[in-house]
Amino acid sequence: LHVSKQAIHKSIIQLLEADEIIKLGKVPKTIYRLKEKQQTTVAAAIKI
């Protein structure tokens, strides 16, 4: 993105608070990932 580290961290904090992303690992091996949406439609579609 070619932006500052501080800008990235500020945005990440906002995204974590909004529950849109998740944090995996600990410093220095921290990565961020989109939070998975509940897949209730798949479970509901299975007829057993």
All heavy atoms as atom14 arrays in JSON, in Angstrom:
{
  "sequence": "LHVSKQAIHKSIIQLLEADEIIKLGKVPKTIYRLKEKQQTTVAAAIKI",
  "atom14_mask": [
    [1, 1, 1, 1, 1, 1, 1, 1, 0, 0, 0, 0, 0, 0],
    [1, 1, 1, 1, 1, 1, 1, 1, 1, 1, 0, 0, 0, 0],
    [1, 1, 1, 1, 1, 1, 1, 0, 0, 0, 0, 0, 0, 0],
    [1, 1, 1, 1, 1, 1, 0, 0, 0, 0, 0, 0, 0, 0],
    [1, 1, 1, 1, 1, 1, 1, 1, 1, 0, 0, 0, 0, 0],
    [1, 1, 1, 1, 1, 1, 1, 1, 1, 0, 0, 0, 0, 0],
    [1, 1, 1, 1, 1, 0, 0, 0, 0, 0, 0, 0, 0, 0],
    [1, 1, 1, 1, 1, 1, 1, 1, 0, 0, 0, 0, 0, 0],
    [1, 1, 1, 1, 1, 1, 1, 1, 1, 1, 0, 0, 0, 0],
    [1, 1, 1, 1, 1, 1, 1, 1, 1, 0, 0, 0, 0, 0],
    [1, 1, 1, 1, 1, 1, 0, 0, 0, 0, 0, 0, 0, 0],
    [1, 1, 1, 1, 1, 1, 1, 1, 0, 0, 0, 0, 0, 0],
    [1, 1, 1, 1, 1, 1, 1, 1, 0, 0, 0, 0, 0, 0],
    [1, 1, 1, 1, 1, 1, 1, 1, 1, 0, 0, 0, 0, 0],
    [1, 1, 1, 1, 1, 1, 1, 1, 0, 0, 0, 0, 0, 0],
    [1, 1, 1, 1, 1, 1, 1, 1, 0, 0, 0, 0, 0, 0],
    [1, 1, 1, 1, 1, 1, 1, 1, 1, 0, 0, 0, 0, 0],
    [1, 1, 1, 1, 1, 0, 0, 0, 0, 0, 0, 0, 0, 0],
    [1, 1, 1, 1, 1, 1, 1, 1, 0, 0, 0, 0, 0, 0],
    [1, 1, 1, 1, 1, 1, 1, 1, 1, 0, 0, 0, 0, 0],
    [1, 1, 1, 1, 1, 1, 1, 1, 0, 0, 0, 0, 0, 0],
    [1, 1, 1, 1, 1, 1, 1, 1, 0, 0, 0, 0, 0, 0],
    [1, 1, 1, 1, 1, 1, 1, 1, 1, 0, 0, 0, 0, 0],
    [1, 1, 1, 1, 1, 1, 1, 1, 0, 0, 0, 0, 0, 0],
    [1, 1, 1, 1, 0, 0, 0, 0, 0, 0, 0, 0, 0, 0],
    [1, 1, 1, 1, 1, 1, 1, 1, 1, 0, 0, 0, 0, 0],
    [1, 1, 1, 1, 1, 1, 1, 0, 0, 0, 0, 0, 0, 0],
    [1, 1, 1, 1, 1, 1, 1, 0, 0, 0, 0, 0, 0, 0],
    [1, 1, 1, 1, 1, 1, 1, 1, 1, 0, 0, 0, 0, 0],
    [1, 1, 1, 1, 1, 1, 1, 0, 0, 0, 0, 0, 0, 0],
    [1, 1, 1, 1, 1, 1, 1, 1, 0, 0, 0, 0, 0, 0],
    [1, 1, 1, 1, 1, 1, 1, 1, 1, 1, 1, 1, 0, 0],
    [1, 1, 1, 1, 1, 1, 1, 1, 1, 1, 1, 0, 0, 0],
    [1, 1, 1, 1, 1, 1, 1, 1, 0, 0, 0, 0, 0, 0],
    [1, 1, 1, 1, 1, 1, 1, 1, 1, 0, 0, 0, 0, 0],
    [1, 1, 1, 1, 1, 1, 1, 1, 1, 0, 0, 0, 0, 0],
    [1, 1, 1, 1, 1, 1, 1, 1, 1, 0, 0, 0, 0, 0],
    [1, 1, 1, 1, 1, 1, 1, 1, 1, 0, 0, 0, 0, 0],
    [1, 1, 1, 1, 1, 1, 1, 1, 1, 0, 0, 0, 0, 0],
    [1, 1, 1, 1, 1, 1, 1, 0, 0, 0, 0, 0, 0, 0],
    [1, 1, 1, 1, 1, 1, 1, 0, 0, 0, 0, 0, 0, 0],
    [1, 1, 1, 1, 1, 1, 1, 0, 0, 0, 0, 0, 0, 0],
    [1, 1, 1, 1, 1, 0, 0, 0, 0, 0, 0, 0, 0, 0],
    [1, 1, 1, 1, 1, 0, 0, 0, 0, 0, 0, 0, 0, 0],
    [1, 1, 1, 1, 1, 0, 0, 0, 0, 0, 0, 0, 0, 0],
    [1, 1, 1, 1, 1, 1, 1, 1, 0, 0, 0, 0, 0, 0],
    [1, 1, 1, 1, 1, 1, 1, 1, 1, 0, 0, 0, 0, 0],
    [1, 1, 1, 1, 1, 1, 1, 1, 0, 0, 0, 0, 0, 0]
  ],
  "atom14_positions": [
    [[0.8, -1.23, 0.0], [0.0, 0.0, 0.0], [0.83, 1.28, 0.0], [0.3, 2.36, -0.26], [-0.94, 0.01, 1.22], [-2.0, -1.09, 1.25], [-2.8, -1.02, 2.54], [-2.92, -0.99, 0.05], [0.0, 0.0, 0.0], [0.0, 0.0, 0.0], [0.0, 0.0, 0.0], [0.0, 0.0, 0.0], [0.0, 0.0, 0.0], [0.0, 0.0, 0.0]],
    [[2.11, 1.16, 0.33], [3.01, 2.32, 0.37], [2.49, 3.41, 1.31], [2.44, 4.59, 0.95], [3.23, 2.88, -1.04], [3.72, 1.85, -2.0], [4.99, 1.32, -1.95], [3.09, 1.23, -3.04], [5.13, 0.43, -2.92], [3.98, 0.36, -3.59], [0.0, 0.0, 0.0], [0.0, 0.0, 0.0], [0.0, 0.0, 0.0], [0.0, 0.0, 0.0]],
    [[2.09, 2.99, 2.51], [1.68, 3.93, 3.56], [2.49, 3.62, 4.81], [3.18, 2.61, 4.89], [0.16, 3.84, 3.86], [-0.66, 4.27, 2.66], [-0.24, 2.45, 4.3], [0.0, 0.0, 0.0], [0.0, 0.0, 0.0], [0.0, 0.0, 0.0], [0.0, 0.0, 0.0], [0.0, 0.0, 0.0], [0.0, 0.0, 0.0], [0.0, 0.0, 0.0]],
    [[2.37, 4.49, 5.8], [3.18, 4.33, 7.0], [2.71, 3.17, 7.87], [1.56, 2.73, 7.8], [3.15, 5.62, 7.83], [1.87, 5.78, 8.41], [0.0, 0.0, 0.0], [0.0, 0.0, 0.0], [0.0, 0.0, 0.0], [0.0, 0.0, 0.0], [0.0, 0.0, 0.0], [0.0, 0.0, 0.0], [0.0, 0.0, 0.0], [0.0, 0.0, 0.0]],
    [[3.63, 2.71, 8.68], [3.35, 1.62, 9.62], [2.24, 2.05, 10.59], [1.35, 1.26, 10.93], [4.63, 1.27, 10.38], [4.51, 0.16, 11.38], [5.88, -0.09, 12.01], [5.81, -1.17, 13.06], [7.12, -1.42, 13.68], [0.0, 0.0, 0.0], [0.0, 0.0, 0.0], [0.0, 0.0, 0.0], [0.0, 0.0, 0.0], [0.0, 0.0, 0.0]],
    [[2.29, 3.31, 11.03], [1.3, 3.82, 11.97], [-0.1, 3.83, 11.35], [-1.08, 3.48, 12.01], [1.67, 5.25, 12.42], [2.91, 5.32, 13.26], [4.21, 5.31, 12.44], [4.21, 5.22, 11.22], [5.33, 5.38, 13.14], [0.0, 0.0, 0.0], [0.0, 0.0, 0.0], [0.0, 0.0, 0.0], [0.0, 0.0, 0.0], [0.0, 0.0, 0.0]],
    [[-0.2, 4.19, 10.08], [-1.5, 4.21, 9.4], [-2.07, 2.8, 9.28], [-3.27, 2.59, 9.45], [-1.36, 4.85, 8.02], [0.0, 0.0, 0.0], [0.0, 0.0, 0.0], [0.0, 0.0, 0.0], [0.0, 0.0, 0.0], [0.0, 0.0, 0.0], [0.0, 0.0, 0.0], [0.0, 0.0, 0.0], [0.0, 0.0, 0.0], [0.0, 0.0, 0.0]],
    [[-1.2, 1.84, 8.98], [-1.63, 0.45, 8.88], [-2.14, -0.04, 10.23], [-3.22, -0.63, 10.33], [-0.48, -0.46, 8.38], [-0.08, -0.1, 6.95], [-0.87, -1.94, 8.51], [-1.07, -0.48, 5.89], [0.0, 0.0, 0.0], [0.0, 0.0, 0.0], [0.0, 0.0, 0.0], [0.0, 0.0, 0.0], [0.0, 0.0, 0.0], [0.0, 0.0, 0.0]],
    [[-1.38, 0.22, 11.3], [-1.78, -0.23, 12.64], [-3.09, 0.43, 13.09], [-3.94, -0.23, 13.69], [-0.67, 0.03, 13.66], [0.4, -1.0, 13.65], [0.19, -2.28, 14.12], [1.69, -0.97, 13.22], [1.31, -2.99, 13.98], [2.22, -2.21, 13.42], [0.0, 0.0, 0.0], [0.0, 0.0, 0.0], [0.0, 0.0, 0.0], [0.0, 0.0, 0.0]],
    [[-3.26, 1.69, 12.79], [-4.5, 2.39, 13.15], [-5.7, 1.73, 12.46], [-6.73, 1.47, 13.08], [-4.4, 3.87, 12.76], [-5.62, 4.67, 13.12], [-5.44, 6.13, 12.73], [-6.7, 6.92, 13.02], [-6.59, 8.31, 12.62], [0.0, 0.0, 0.0], [0.0, 0.0, 0.0], [0.0, 0.0, 0.0], [0.0, 0.0, 0.0], [0.0, 0.0, 0.0]],
    [[-5.55, 1.43, 11.18], [-6.63, 0.8, 10.42], [-6.89, -0.62, 10.9], [-8.04, -1.05, 10.99], [-6.29, 0.8, 8.92], [-6.21, 2.11, 8.45], [0.0, 0.0, 0.0], [0.0, 0.0, 0.0], [0.0, 0.0, 0.0], [0.0, 0.0, 0.0], [0.0, 0.0, 0.0], [0.0, 0.0, 0.0], [0.0, 0.0, 0.0], [0.0, 0.0, 0.0]],
    [[-5.82, -1.35, 11.23], [-5.98, -2.72, 11.72], [-6.74, -2.73, 13.04], [-7.63, -3.56, 13.24], [-4.6, -3.4, 11.88], [-4.06, -3.77, 10.5], [-4.68, -4.63, 12.77], [-2.65, -4.31, 10.51], [0.0, 0.0, 0.0], [0.0, 0.0, 0.0], [0.0, 0.0, 0.0], [0.0, 0.0, 0.0], [0.0, 0.0, 0.0], [0.0, 0.0, 0.0]],
    [[-6.43, -1.81, 13.92], [-7.15, -1.73, 15.21], [-8.64, -1.49, 14.97], [-9.48, -2.12, 15.59], [-6.53, -0.63, 16.1], [-5.16, -1.07, 16.59], [-7.45, -0.3, 17.28], [-4.36, 0.01, 17.28], [0.0, 0.0, 0.0], [0.0, 0.0, 0.0], [0.0, 0.0, 0.0], [0.0, 0.0, 0.0], [0.0, 0.0, 0.0], [0.0, 0.0, 0.0]],
    [[-8.96, -0.59, 14.04], [-10.36, -0.32, 13.73], [-11.05, -1.55, 13.14], [-12.19, -1.86, 13.48], [-10.46, 0.86, 12.76], [-10.04, 2.17, 13.38], [-9.93, 3.3, 12.37], [-10.05, 3.09, 11.17], [-9.69, 4.51, 12.86], [0.0, 0.0, 0.0], [0.0, 0.0, 0.0], [0.0, 0.0, 0.0], [0.0, 0.0, 0.0], [0.0, 0.0, 0.0]],
    [[-10.36, -2.27, 12.27], [-10.93, -3.47, 11.66], [-11.12, -4.59, 12.68], [-12.1, -5.34, 12.63], [-10.06, -3.94, 10.5], [-10.08, -3.05, 9.26], [-8.98, -3.45, 8.28], [-11.45, -3.11, 8.58], [0.0, 0.0, 0.0], [0.0, 0.0, 0.0], [0.0, 0.0, 0.0], [0.0, 0.0, 0.0], [0.0, 0.0, 0.0], [0.0, 0.0, 0.0]],
    [[-10.17, -4.71, 13.62], [-10.32, -5.71, 14.69], [-11.5, -5.37, 15.59], [-12.27, -6.25, 15.97], [-9.03, -5.79, 15.52], [-7.84, -6.48, 14.86], [-6.57, -6.22, 15.66], [-8.09, -7.97, 14.7], [0.0, 0.0, 0.0], [0.0, 0.0, 0.0], [0.0, 0.0, 0.0], [0.0, 0.0, 0.0], [0.0, 0.0, 0.0], [0.0, 0.0, 0.0]],
    [[-11.66, -4.09, 15.93], [-12.78, -3.67, 16.78], [-14.12, -3.87, 16.07], [-15.12, -4.19, 16.72], [-12.61, -2.22, 17.19], [-11.5, -2.01, 18.21], [-11.22, -0.55, 18.51], [-11.78, 0.34, 17.83], [-10.43, -0.29, 19.44], [0.0, 0.0, 0.0], [0.0, 0.0, 0.0], [0.0, 0.0, 0.0], [0.0, 0.0, 0.0], [0.0, 0.0, 0.0]],
    [[-14.13, -3.7, 14.75], [-15.35, -3.89, 13.97], [-15.62, -5.37, 13.69], [-16.61, -5.71, 13.07], [-15.26, -3.11, 12.66], [0.0, 0.0, 0.0], [0.0, 0.0, 0.0], [0.0, 0.0, 0.0], [0.0, 0.0, 0.0], [0.0, 0.0, 0.0], [0.0, 0.0, 0.0], [0.0, 0.0, 0.0], [0.0, 0.0, 0.0], [0.0, 0.0, 0.0]],
    [[-14.71, -6.22, 14.13], [-14.84, -7.68, 13.99], [-14.85, -8.1, 12.51], [-15.54, -9.04, 12.13], [-16.1, -8.16, 14.71], [-15.96, -9.59, 15.2], [-14.82, -10.03, 15.42], [-16.99, -10.27, 15.34], [0.0, 0.0, 0.0], [0.0, 0.0, 0.0], [0.0, 0.0, 0.0], [0.0, 0.0, 0.0], [0.0, 0.0, 0.0], [0.0, 0.0, 0.0]],
    [[-14.07, -7.4, 11.69], [-13.99, -7.72, 10.27], [-12.78, -8.58, 9.94], [-12.76, -9.27, 8.93], [-13.97, -6.44, 9.43], [-15.25, -5.65, 9.52], [-15.26, -4.47, 8.59], [-15.02, -4.67, 7.38], [-15.52, -3.35, 9.07], [0.0, 0.0, 0.0], [0.0, 0.0, 0.0], [0.0, 0.0, 0.0], [0.0, 0.0, 0.0], [0.0, 0.0, 0.0]],
    [[-11.74, -8.5, 10.79], [-10.54, -9.31, 10.57], [-10.17, -9.99, 11.88], [-10.66, -9.62, 12.95], [-9.35, -8.46, 10.05], [-8.93, -7.4, 11.07], [-9.67, -7.85, 8.69], [-7.66, -6.66, 10.7], [0.0, 0.0, 0.0], [0.0, 0.0, 0.0], [0.0, 0.0, 0.0], [0.0, 0.0, 0.0], [0.0, 0.0, 0.0], [0.0, 0.0, 0.0]],
    [[-9.29, -10.97, 11.77], [-8.76, -11.65, 12.96], [-7.24, -11.58, 12.95], [-6.62, -11.47, 11.88], [-9.24, -13.11, 13.05], [-8.85, -13.9, 11.81], [-10.72, -13.19, 13.32], [-9.13, -15.39, 11.9], [0.0, 0.0, 0.0], [0.0, 0.0, 0.0], [0.0, 0.0, 0.0], [0.0, 0.0, 0.0], [0.0, 0.0, 0.0], [0.0, 0.0, 0.0]],
    [[-6.68, -11.66, 14.14], [-5.23, -11.61, 14.31], [-4.77, -13.02, 14.66], [-5.31, -13.65, 15.57], [-4.9, -10.64, 15.44], [-3.45, -10.53, 15.79], [-3.29, -9.54, 16.93], [-1.86, -9.45, 17.4], [-1.69, -8.49, 18.49], [0.0, 0.0, 0.0], [0.0, 0.0, 0.0], [0.0, 0.0, 0.0], [0.0, 0.0, 0.0], [0.0, 0.0, 0.0]],
    [[-3.75, -13.49, 13.95], [-3.2, -14.82, 14.19], [-1.72, -14.69, 14.54], [-0.99, -13.96, 13.88], [-3.36, -15.71, 12.97], [-4.79, -15.94, 12.48], [-4.78, -16.64, 11.13], [-5.55, -16.75, 13.48], [0.0, 0.0, 0.0], [0.0, 0.0, 0.0], [0.0, 0.0, 0.0], [0.0, 0.0, 0.0], [0.0, 0.0, 0.0], [0.0, 0.0, 0.0]],
    [[-1.3, -15.41, 15.57], [0.11, -15.39, 15.95], [0.44, -14.25, 16.88], [-0.41, -13.49, 17.31], [0.0, 0.0, 0.0], [0.0, 0.0, 0.0], [0.0, 0.0, 0.0], [0.0, 0.0, 0.0], [0.0, 0.0, 0.0], [0.0, 0.0, 0.0], [0.0, 0.0, 0.0], [0.0, 0.0, 0.0], [0.0, 0.0, 0.0], [0.0, 0.0, 0.0]],
    [[1.72, -14.18, 17.21], [2.23, -13.14, 18.1], [3.45, -12.51, 17.45], [4.08, -13.09, 16.57], [2.61, -13.74, 19.45], [1.41, -14.27, 20.22], [1.81, -14.76, 21.58], [0.57, -15.27, 22.3], [0.84, -15.66, 23.66], [0.0, 0.0, 0.0], [0.0, 0.0, 0.0], [0.0, 0.0, 0.0], [0.0, 0.0, 0.0], [0.0, 0.0, 0.0]],
    [[3.79, -11.33, 17.92], [4.94, -10.61, 17.4], [6.17, -11.5, 17.5], [6.36, -12.15, 18.51], [5.14, -9.3, 18.2], [6.38, -8.55, 17.75], [3.9, -8.43, 18.1], [0.0, 0.0, 0.0], [0.0, 0.0, 0.0], [0.0, 0.0, 0.0], [0.0, 0.0, 0.0], [0.0, 0.0, 0.0], [0.0, 0.0, 0.0], [0.0, 0.0, 0.0]],
    [[7.0, -11.63, 16.54], [7.04, -10.92, 15.27], [6.34, -11.65, 14.12], [6.45, -11.23, 12.98], [8.54, -10.81, 14.99], [9.08, -12.1, 15.52], [8.24, -12.4, 16.74], [0.0, 0.0, 0.0], [0.0, 0.0, 0.0], [0.0, 0.0, 0.0], [0.0, 0.0, 0.0], [0.0, 0.0, 0.0], [0.0, 0.0, 0.0], [0.0, 0.0, 0.0]],
    [[5.65, -12.72, 14.4], [5.03, -13.54, 13.35], [3.52, -13.33, 13.27], [2.77, -14.25, 13.06], [5.31, -15.03, 13.6], [6.76, -15.39, 13.68], [7.37, -15.44, 12.32], [8.81, -15.93, 12.42], [9.52, -15.84, 11.21], [0.0, 0.0, 0.0], [0.0, 0.0, 0.0], [0.0, 0.0, 0.0], [0.0, 0.0, 0.0], [0.0, 0.0, 0.0]],
    [[3.05, -12.11, 13.44], [1.62, -11.82, 13.43], [1.13, -11.65, 12.0], [1.75, -10.95, 11.2], [1.33, -10.53, 14.22], [1.89, -10.66, 15.52], [-0.16, -10.28, 14.33], [0.0, 0.0, 0.0], [0.0, 0.0, 0.0], [0.0, 0.0, 0.0], [0.0, 0.0, 0.0], [0.0, 0.0, 0.0], [0.0, 0.0, 0.0], [0.0, 0.0, 0.0]],
    [[0.01, -12.29, 11.7], [-0.65, -12.08, 10.42], [-2.12, -11.76, 10.67], [-2.66, -12.04, 11.74], [-0.52, -13.3, 9.48], [-1.15, -14.55, 10.11], [0.9, -13.55, 9.06], [-1.29, -15.71, 9.15], [0.0, 0.0, 0.0], [0.0, 0.0, 0.0], [0.0, 0.0, 0.0], [0.0, 0.0, 0.0], [0.0, 0.0, 0.0], [0.0, 0.0, 0.0]],
    [[-2.74, -11.17, 9.69], [-4.14, -10.79, 9.78], [-4.9, -11.46, 8.64], [-4.37, -11.63, 7.54], [-4.29, -9.27, 9.72], [-3.59, -8.61, 10.89], [-2.25, -8.23, 10.82], [-4.25, -8.43, 12.1], [-1.6, -7.66, 11.9], [-3.62, -7.87, 13.18], [-2.3, -7.48, 13.09], [-1.66, -6.94, 14.16], [0.0, 0.0, 0.0], [0.0, 0.0, 0.0]],
    [[-6.15, -11.82, 8.93], [-6.97, -12.53, 7.98], [-8.41, -12.04, 8.1], [-8.84, -11.64, 9.18], [-6.9, -14.02, 8.3], [-7.68, -14.91, 7.36], [-7.54, -16.36, 7.73], [-6.16, -16.79, 7.51], [-5.66, -17.93, 7.92], [-6.39, -18.78, 8.6], [-4.41, -18.26, 7.67], [0.0, 0.0, 0.0], [0.0, 0.0, 0.0], [0.0, 0.0, 0.0]],
    [[-9.14, -12.08, 7.0], [-10.56, -11.74, 7.06], [-11.29, -12.71, 7.97], [-10.98, -13.9, 7.98], [-11.19, -11.81, 5.66], [-10.86, -10.69, 4.7], [-11.49, -10.97, 3.34], [-11.33, -9.35, 5.22], [0.0, 0.0, 0.0], [0.0, 0.0, 0.0], [0.0, 0.0, 0.0], [0.0, 0.0, 0.0], [0.0, 0.0, 0.0], [0.0, 0.0, 0.0]],
    [[-12.23, -12.21, 8.72], [-13.02, -13.09, 9.59], [-13.99, -13.85, 8.72], [-14.65, -13.3, 7.85], [-13.76, -12.28, 10.64], [-14.49, -13.15, 11.61], [-14.91, -12.42, 12.83], [-15.56, -13.42, 13.77], [-15.77, -12.86, 15.05], [0.0, 0.0, 0.0], [0.0, 0.0, 0.0], [0.0, 0.0, 0.0], [0.0, 0.0, 0.0], [0.0, 0.0, 0.0]],
    [[-14.06, -15.16, 8.97], [-14.96, -16.01, 8.19], [-16.4, -15.73, 8.58], [-16.73, -15.6, 9.75], [-14.66, -17.49, 8.46], [-13.32, -17.92, 7.94], [-13.05, -19.39, 8.23], [-13.99, -20.11, 8.62], [-11.9, -19.79, 8.11], [0.0, 0.0, 0.0], [0.0, 0.0, 0.0], [0.0, 0.0, 0.0], [0.0, 0.0, 0.0], [0.0, 0.0, 0.0]],
    [[-17.23, -15.64, 7.57], [-18.66, -15.48, 7.81], [-19.23, -16.84, 8.16], [-18.76, -17.86, 7.68], [-19.36, -14.93, 6.56], [-18.78, -13.63, 6.05], [-19.01, -12.5, 7.01], [-18.48, -11.21, 6.43], [-18.01, -10.28, 7.37], [0.0, 0.0, 0.0], [0.0, 0.0, 0.0], [0.0, 0.0, 0.0], [0.0, 0.0, 0.0], [0.0, 0.0, 0.0]],
    [[-20.25, -16.85, 9.01], [-20.87, -18.11, 9.37], [-21.48, -18.75, 8.14], [-22.15, -18.1, 7.36], [-21.96, -17.91, 10.42], [-21.42, -17.5, 11.77], [-20.71, -18.64, 12.47], [-20.12, -19.52, 11.86], [-20.75, -18.61, 13.78], [0.0, 0.0, 0.0], [0.0, 0.0, 0.0], [0.0, 0.0, 0.0], [0.0, 0.0, 0.0], [0.0, 0.0, 0.0]],
    [[-21.23, -20.0, 7.96], [-21.72, -20.72, 6.8], [-22.94, -21.55, 7.15], [-23.01, -22.73, 6.89], [-20.61, -21.61, 6.23], [-19.42, -20.81, 5.73], [-18.34, -21.72, 5.19], [-18.37, -22.93, 5.33], [-17.35, -21.12, 4.56], [0.0, 0.0, 0.0], [0.0, 0.0, 0.0], [0.0, 0.0, 0.0], [0.0, 0.0, 0.0], [0.0, 0.0, 0.0]],
    [[-23.92, -20.89, 7.76], [-25.12, -21.61, 8.17], [-25.9, -22.1, 6.95], [-26.62, -23.07, 7.04], [-26.03, -20.71, 9.03], [-26.29, -19.51, 8.31], [-25.37, -20.38, 10.35], [0.0, 0.0, 0.0], [0.0, 0.0, 0.0], [0.0, 0.0, 0.0], [0.0, 0.0, 0.0], [0.0, 0.0, 0.0], [0.0, 0.0, 0.0], [0.0, 0.0, 0.0]],
    [[-25.75, -21.43, 5.81], [-26.48, -21.85, 4.62], [-26.02, -23.23, 4.16], [-26.81, -24.02, 3.7], [-26.29, -20.84, 3.48], [-24.9, -20.65, 3.26], [-26.93, -19.5, 3.83], [0.0, 0.0, 0.0], [0.0, 0.0, 0.0], [0.0, 0.0, 0.0], [0.0, 0.0, 0.0], [0.0, 0.0, 0.0], [0.0, 0.0, 0.0], [0.0, 0.0, 0.0]],
    [[-24.73, -23.54, 4.32], [-24.21, -24.85, 3.93], [-24.78, -25.92, 4.84], [-25.27, -26.96, 4.39], [-22.67, -24.87, 3.96], [-22.14, -26.27, 3.69], [-22.1, -23.88, 2.97], [0.0, 0.0, 0.0], [0.0, 0.0, 0.0], [0.0, 0.0, 0.0], [0.0, 0.0, 0.0], [0.0, 0.0, 0.0], [0.0, 0.0, 0.0], [0.0, 0.0, 0.0]],
    [[-24.73, -25.68, 6.15], [-25.25, -26.66, 7.1], [-26.76, -26.83, 6.94], [-27.28, -27.93, 7.06], [-24.92, -26.24, 8.53], [0.0, 0.0, 0.0], [0.0, 0.0, 0.0], [0.0, 0.0, 0.0], [0.0, 0.0, 0.0], [0.0, 0.0, 0.0], [0.0, 0.0, 0.0], [0.0, 0.0, 0.0], [0.0, 0.0, 0.0], [0.0, 0.0, 0.0]],
    [[-27.46, -25.74, 6.67], [-28.91, -25.83, 6.5], [-29.28, -26.54, 5.21], [-30.32, -27.17, 5.11], [-29.51, -24.44, 6.52], [0.0, 0.0, 0.0], [0.0, 0.0, 0.0], [0.0, 0.0, 0.0], [0.0, 0.0, 0.0], [0.0, 0.0, 0.0], [0.0, 0.0, 0.0], [0.0, 0.0, 0.0], [0.0, 0.0, 0.0], [0.0, 0.0, 0.0]],
    [[-28.4, -26.46, 4.2], [-28.69, -27.08, 2.91], [-28.48, -28.59, 2.94], [-29.02, -29.3, 2.1], [-27.8, -26.46, 1.83], [0.0, 0.0, 0.0], [0.0, 0.0, 0.0], [0.0, 0.0, 0.0], [0.0, 0.0, 0.0], [0.0, 0.0, 0.0], [0.0, 0.0, 0.0], [0.0, 0.0, 0.0], [0.0, 0.0, 0.0], [0.0, 0.0, 0.0]],
    [[-27.72, -29.08, 3.9], [-27.46, -30.52, 3.99], [-28.67, -31.21, 4.6], [-29.08, -30.9, 5.72], [-26.2, -30.81, 4.82], [-24.98, -30.18, 4.16], [-26.01, -32.31, 5.0], [-23.72, -30.28, 4.97], [0.0, 0.0, 0.0], [0.0, 0.0, 0.0], [0.0, 0.0, 0.0], [0.0, 0.0, 0.0], [0.0, 0.0, 0.0], [0.0, 0.0, 0.0]],
    [[-29.24, -32.12, 3.87], [-30.41, -32.88, 4.35], [-29.95, -34.27, 4.75], [-29.54, -35.06, 3.91], [-31.48, -32.99, 3.25], [-31.94, -31.68, 2.69], [-32.81, -30.95, 3.68], [-33.32, -29.68, 3.02], [-33.81, -28.71, 3.91], [0.0, 0.0, 0.0], [0.0, 0.0, 0.0], [0.0, 0.0, 0.0], [0.0, 0.0, 0.0], [0.0, 0.0, 0.0]],
    [[-29.96, -34.54, 6.04], [-29.6, -35.87, 6.52], [-30.65, -36.32, 7.52], [-31.37, -35.51, 8.11], [-28.2, -35.9, 7.16], [-28.11, -34.95, 8.35], [-27.14, -35.54, 6.13], [-26.83, -35.08, 9.11], [0.0, 0.0, 0.0], [0.0, 0.0, 0.0], [0.0, 0.0, 0.0], [0.0, 0.0, 0.0], [0.0, 0.0, 0.0], [0.0, 0.0, 0.0]]
  ]
}
